[in-house]
Amino acid sequence: MDSSPPDLLGEFAADRLLLGRSSTVRRVTDVLRDRIAAGALRSGTRLSEEALGGALGVSRNTLREAFRVLAHERLVVHEMNRGVFVRSLGPADVADIYLTRRALETEGVRSATGSGRLAPVAEAVAAGESAARDGDWSAVADADLRFHRAVGALTGSERIDAYLAGLLAELRLAFAVMSDPRALHEPFLRRNRQIADLLAADRSRDAEAELVRYLDDARELIVARMRQDAQ
């Protein structure tokens, strides 16, 4: 995809209302990151300074600053003489993301005992199940990422929460390789429920063991599809 589609540019124009005078670069960065995390800006999409600047009502310098932040977060890449593109992930990237997720999310599970912070975990599971009943697999993906972020947030660490949010936004780029989102997300709905129920029952050791198996299985599923597509 060489540039942002016209209908998406219209949505960016609506996002313009979210941009205030202060911290404009941060706000622009947040808007772009959210669009990437939601899957609206897919891997390989070229981010046109002219088109995005017009839609958001900001200068090219502001966009370039936002692009630099997103590049640091590994969400976009700058290609010499070609422009800025939403990053495409490879199998090694996915393996590294899951290795890091395992460290952060298992720490969340270990911190769950007596935390009194399980409501967001349960709410994310319920949202995913509801979206699945409606056949809205994009919403299922959103709920799944909220579930994992809520698990990490059980640590009570703002830094872990922020880092995990970036990892999950980056992971959304890998979801694009799965042509059937239902095949990717449906098997894990039951497992999200199982982990949430184990945490609610104060069985954090069992929840951690299931989470480790879950993350390993998800990694292998995505990596296998990437390698298949590369053949």
Protein backbone atom coordinates (compact mmCIF):
# COMPACT_ATOMS: atom_id res chain seq x y z
CA MET A 1 0.00 0.00 0.00
CA ASP A 2 1.65 3.19 -1.18
CA SER A 3 -0.33 5.67 0.87
CA SER A 4 -3.10 5.96 3.42
CA PRO A 5 -6.53 5.18 1.85
CA PRO A 6 -8.93 8.16 1.42
CA ASP A 7 -11.50 6.83 3.92
CA LEU A 8 -8.81 6.44 6.59
CA LEU A 9 -7.61 9.99 5.91
CA GLY A 10 -11.14 11.10 6.64
CA GLU A 11 -10.93 9.39 10.01
CA PHE A 12 -7.65 11.15 10.69
CA ALA A 13 -9.39 14.44 9.93
CA ALA A 14 -11.87 13.56 12.68
CA ASP A 15 -8.95 12.79 15.00
CA ARG A 16 -7.83 16.37 14.46
CA LEU A 17 -10.34 17.40 17.10
CA LEU A 18 -8.27 15.46 19.65
CA LEU A 19 -5.18 17.55 19.05
CA GLY A 20 -4.68 20.48 21.35
CA ARG A 21 -2.09 23.21 21.26
CA SER A 22 0.10 21.66 23.93
CA SER A 23 2.14 18.50 23.46
CA THR A 24 1.07 18.24 19.83
CA VAL A 25 3.85 15.81 18.96
CA ARG A 26 2.80 13.50 21.79
CA ARG A 27 -0.83 13.68 20.74
CA VAL A 28 -0.02 12.99 17.09
CA THR A 29 2.16 10.08 18.18
CA ASP A 30 -0.70 8.72 20.30
CA VAL A 31 -3.14 8.94 17.38
CA LEU A 32 -0.80 7.11 15.00
CA ARG A 33 0.12 4.49 17.59
CA ASP A 34 -3.57 3.84 18.32
CA ARG A 35 -4.30 3.43 14.59
CA ILE A 36 -1.46 0.94 14.26
CA ALA A 37 -2.57 -0.96 17.37
CA ALA A 38 -6.14 -1.12 16.04
CA GLY A 39 -4.95 -2.53 12.73
CA ALA A 40 -6.14 0.47 10.69
CA LEU A 41 -2.58 1.12 9.55
CA ARG A 42 -1.24 -2.23 8.43
CA SER A 43 2.31 -3.46 7.92
CA GLY A 44 3.90 -1.92 4.86
CA THR A 45 1.61 1.12 4.76
CA ARG A 46 3.47 4.23 3.63
CA LEU A 47 2.82 7.18 5.92
CA SER A 48 2.64 10.26 3.70
CA GLU A 49 3.72 13.44 5.48
CA GLU A 50 1.62 15.54 3.13
CA ALA A 51 -1.56 13.47 3.43
CA LEU A 52 -1.34 12.93 7.20
CA GLY A 53 -0.28 16.51 7.88
CA GLY A 54 -3.33 17.76 5.99
CA ALA A 55 -5.69 15.32 7.69
CA LEU A 56 -4.43 16.08 11.20
CA GLY A 57 -3.74 19.76 10.61
CA VAL A 58 -0.13 19.62 11.77
CA SER A 59 3.19 20.53 10.21
CA ARG A 60 5.64 18.13 8.60
CA ASN A 61 8.10 18.84 11.38
CA THR A 62 5.53 17.71 13.95
CA LEU A 63 4.91 14.51 11.99
CA ARG A 64 8.63 13.86 11.66
CA GLU A 65 9.02 14.12 15.43
CA ALA A 66 6.12 11.71 15.88
CA PHE A 67 7.68 9.34 13.36
CA ARG A 68 10.95 9.41 15.31
CA VAL A 69 9.13 8.36 18.48
CA LEU A 70 7.30 5.56 16.67
CA ALA A 71 10.55 4.40 15.07
CA HIS A 72 12.09 4.19 18.55
CA GLU A 73 9.07 2.07 19.55
CA ARG A 74 9.73 -0.17 16.53
CA LEU A 75 6.35 0.56 14.99
CA VAL A 76 7.58 2.38 11.86
CA VAL A 77 10.75 2.39 9.76
CA HIS A 78 12.33 5.10 7.63
CA GLU A 79 13.56 3.90 4.26
CA MET A 80 16.04 6.21 2.53
CA ASN A 81 14.55 8.03 -0.47
CA ARG A 82 11.24 6.18 -0.03
CA GLY A 83 9.66 7.50 3.15
CA VAL A 84 8.23 6.18 6.40
CA PHE A 85 6.39 2.85 6.52
CA VAL A 86 4.53 0.88 9.15
CA ARG A 87 6.97 -1.82 10.12
CA SER A 88 6.70 -5.42 8.90
CA LEU A 89 7.68 -8.12 11.36
CA GLY A 90 9.59 -11.33 10.71
CA PRO A 91 9.67 -14.61 12.67
CA ALA A 92 12.64 -13.46 14.77
CA ASP A 93 10.75 -10.29 15.76
CA VAL A 94 7.72 -12.31 16.84
CA ALA A 95 9.85 -14.74 18.84
CA ASP A 96 11.54 -11.84 20.65
CA ILE A 97 8.22 -10.11 21.39
CA TYR A 98 6.80 -13.28 22.93
CA LEU A 99 9.94 -13.86 24.98
CA THR A 100 9.58 -10.37 26.45
CA ARG A 101 5.83 -10.74 26.93
CA ARG A 102 6.44 -13.94 28.84
CA ALA A 103 8.67 -12.13 31.33
CA LEU A 104 6.26 -9.23 31.82
CA GLU A 105 2.96 -11.08 31.88
CA THR A 106 4.10 -13.89 34.15
CA GLU A 107 5.26 -11.22 36.59
CA GLY A 108 1.72 -9.86 36.47
CA VAL A 109 0.29 -13.28 37.28
CA ARG A 110 2.69 -13.67 40.20
CA SER A 111 1.53 -10.29 41.52
CA ALA A 112 -2.17 -11.16 41.27
CA THR A 113 -2.62 -12.79 44.68
CA GLY A 114 -4.70 -10.50 46.84
CA SER A 115 -4.22 -7.61 44.40
CA GLY A 116 -7.90 -6.74 44.12
CA ARG A 117 -7.19 -5.60 40.53
CA LEU A 118 -8.72 -8.48 38.59
CA ALA A 119 -11.80 -6.63 37.28
CA PRO A 120 -10.10 -5.42 34.04
CA VAL A 121 -8.93 -8.99 33.34
CA ALA A 122 -12.46 -10.37 33.69
CA GLU A 123 -13.96 -7.49 31.70
CA ALA A 124 -11.56 -8.11 28.78
CA VAL A 125 -12.42 -11.82 28.72
CA ALA A 126 -16.16 -11.06 28.73
CA ALA A 127 -15.70 -8.50 25.93
CA GLY A 128 -13.84 -11.05 23.81
CA GLU A 129 -16.53 -13.69 24.33
CA SER A 130 -19.27 -11.21 23.45
CA ALA A 131 -17.47 -10.10 20.28
CA ALA A 132 -16.98 -13.74 19.25
CA ARG A 133 -20.72 -14.38 19.58
CA ASP A 134 -21.27 -11.42 17.26
CA GLY A 135 -18.67 -12.72 14.81
CA ASP A 136 -16.60 -9.54 15.20
CA TRP A 137 -13.09 -10.97 15.17
CA SER A 138 -11.42 -7.58 15.00
CA ALA A 139 -13.11 -6.73 18.32
CA VAL A 140 -12.03 -10.13 19.65
CA ALA A 141 -8.43 -9.20 18.82
CA ASP A 142 -8.84 -5.86 20.62
CA ALA A 143 -10.26 -7.59 23.69
CA ASP A 144 -7.46 -10.17 23.65
CA LEU A 145 -4.80 -7.46 23.71
CA ARG A 146 -6.67 -5.69 26.54
CA PHE A 147 -6.70 -8.97 28.44
CA HIS A 148 -2.93 -9.37 28.19
CA ARG A 149 -2.29 -5.76 29.09
CA ALA A 150 -4.58 -6.15 32.12
CA VAL A 151 -2.59 -9.22 33.18
CA GLY A 152 0.65 -7.23 32.96
CA ALA A 153 -0.94 -4.35 34.86
CA LEU A 154 -1.40 -6.61 37.88
CA THR A 155 2.21 -5.79 38.71
CA GLY A 156 1.15 -2.23 39.52
CA SER A 157 4.17 -0.97 37.57
CA GLU A 158 3.60 1.98 35.24
CA ARG A 159 6.79 1.14 33.34
CA ILE A 160 5.75 -2.46 32.74
CA ASP A 161 2.31 -1.28 31.65
CA ALA A 162 3.78 1.23 29.19
CA TYR A 163 6.32 -1.22 27.79
CA LEU A 164 3.75 -3.96 27.40
CA ALA A 165 1.40 -1.55 25.63
CA GLY A 166 4.13 -0.88 23.06
CA LEU A 167 4.86 -4.59 22.63
CA LEU A 168 1.20 -5.37 22.06
CA ALA A 169 0.88 -2.57 19.52
CA GLU A 170 3.92 -3.99 17.73
CA LEU A 171 2.44 -7.48 17.88
CA ARG A 172 -0.70 -6.27 16.13
CA LEU A 173 1.50 -5.93 13.05
CA ALA A 174 2.08 -9.69 13.15
CA PHE A 175 -1.64 -10.39 13.19
CA ALA A 176 -1.79 -9.10 9.62
CA VAL A 177 -0.10 -12.28 8.35
CA MET A 178 -3.07 -14.34 9.54
CA SER A 179 -5.59 -14.33 6.72
CA ASP A 180 -8.25 -15.83 9.00
CA PRO A 181 -8.48 -13.84 12.25
CA ARG A 182 -10.99 -16.32 13.65
CA ALA A 183 -8.46 -19.14 13.29
CA LEU A 184 -5.94 -17.03 15.21
CA HIS A 185 -8.12 -15.81 18.08
CA GLU A 186 -10.90 -18.35 18.63
CA PRO A 187 -8.71 -21.08 20.19
CA PHE A 188 -7.43 -18.64 22.80
CA LEU A 189 -10.81 -17.33 24.00
CA ARG A 190 -11.31 -20.39 26.20
CA ARG A 191 -7.76 -20.12 27.46
CA ASN A 192 -8.21 -16.45 28.39
CA ARG A 193 -11.25 -17.52 30.43
CA GLN A 194 -9.27 -20.32 32.04
CA ILE A 195 -6.46 -17.97 33.11
CA ALA A 196 -8.94 -15.40 34.44
CA ASP A 197 -10.77 -18.10 36.44
CA LEU A 198 -7.51 -19.43 37.88
CA LEU A 199 -6.52 -15.93 38.97
CA ALA A 200 -9.95 -15.36 40.54
CA ALA A 201 -9.52 -18.64 42.45
CA ASP A 202 -6.13 -17.42 43.73
CA ARG A 203 -4.33 -20.20 41.84
CA SER A 204 -1.56 -18.02 40.46
CA ARG A 205 0.93 -20.88 39.99
CA ASP A 206 -1.51 -22.77 37.75
CA ALA A 207 -2.38 -19.54 35.93
CA GLU A 208 1.30 -18.88 35.26
CA ALA A 209 1.84 -22.38 33.86
CA GLU A 210 -1.15 -22.01 31.53
CA LEU A 211 -0.03 -18.54 30.44
CA VAL A 212 3.43 -19.84 29.51
CA ARG A 213 1.92 -22.64 27.41
CA TYR A 214 -0.51 -20.15 25.87
CA LEU A 215 2.19 -17.70 24.81
CA ASP A 216 4.37 -20.49 23.40
CA ASP A 217 1.46 -21.84 21.35
CA ALA A 218 0.53 -18.38 20.03
CA ARG A 219 4.12 -17.67 19.03
CA GLU A 220 4.45 -20.96 17.20
CA LEU A 221 1.15 -20.40 15.37
CA ILE A 222 2.16 -16.98 14.03
CA VAL A 223 5.75 -17.92 13.22
CA ALA A 224 4.62 -21.05 11.35
CA ARG A 225 2.27 -18.96 9.23
CA MET A 226 5.02 -16.43 8.48
CA ARG A 227 7.39 -19.18 7.35
CA GLN A 228 4.68 -20.77 5.26
CA ASP A 229 4.01 -17.48 3.48
CA ALA A 230 7.73 -16.99 2.86
CA GLN A 231 8.05 -20.28 0.96
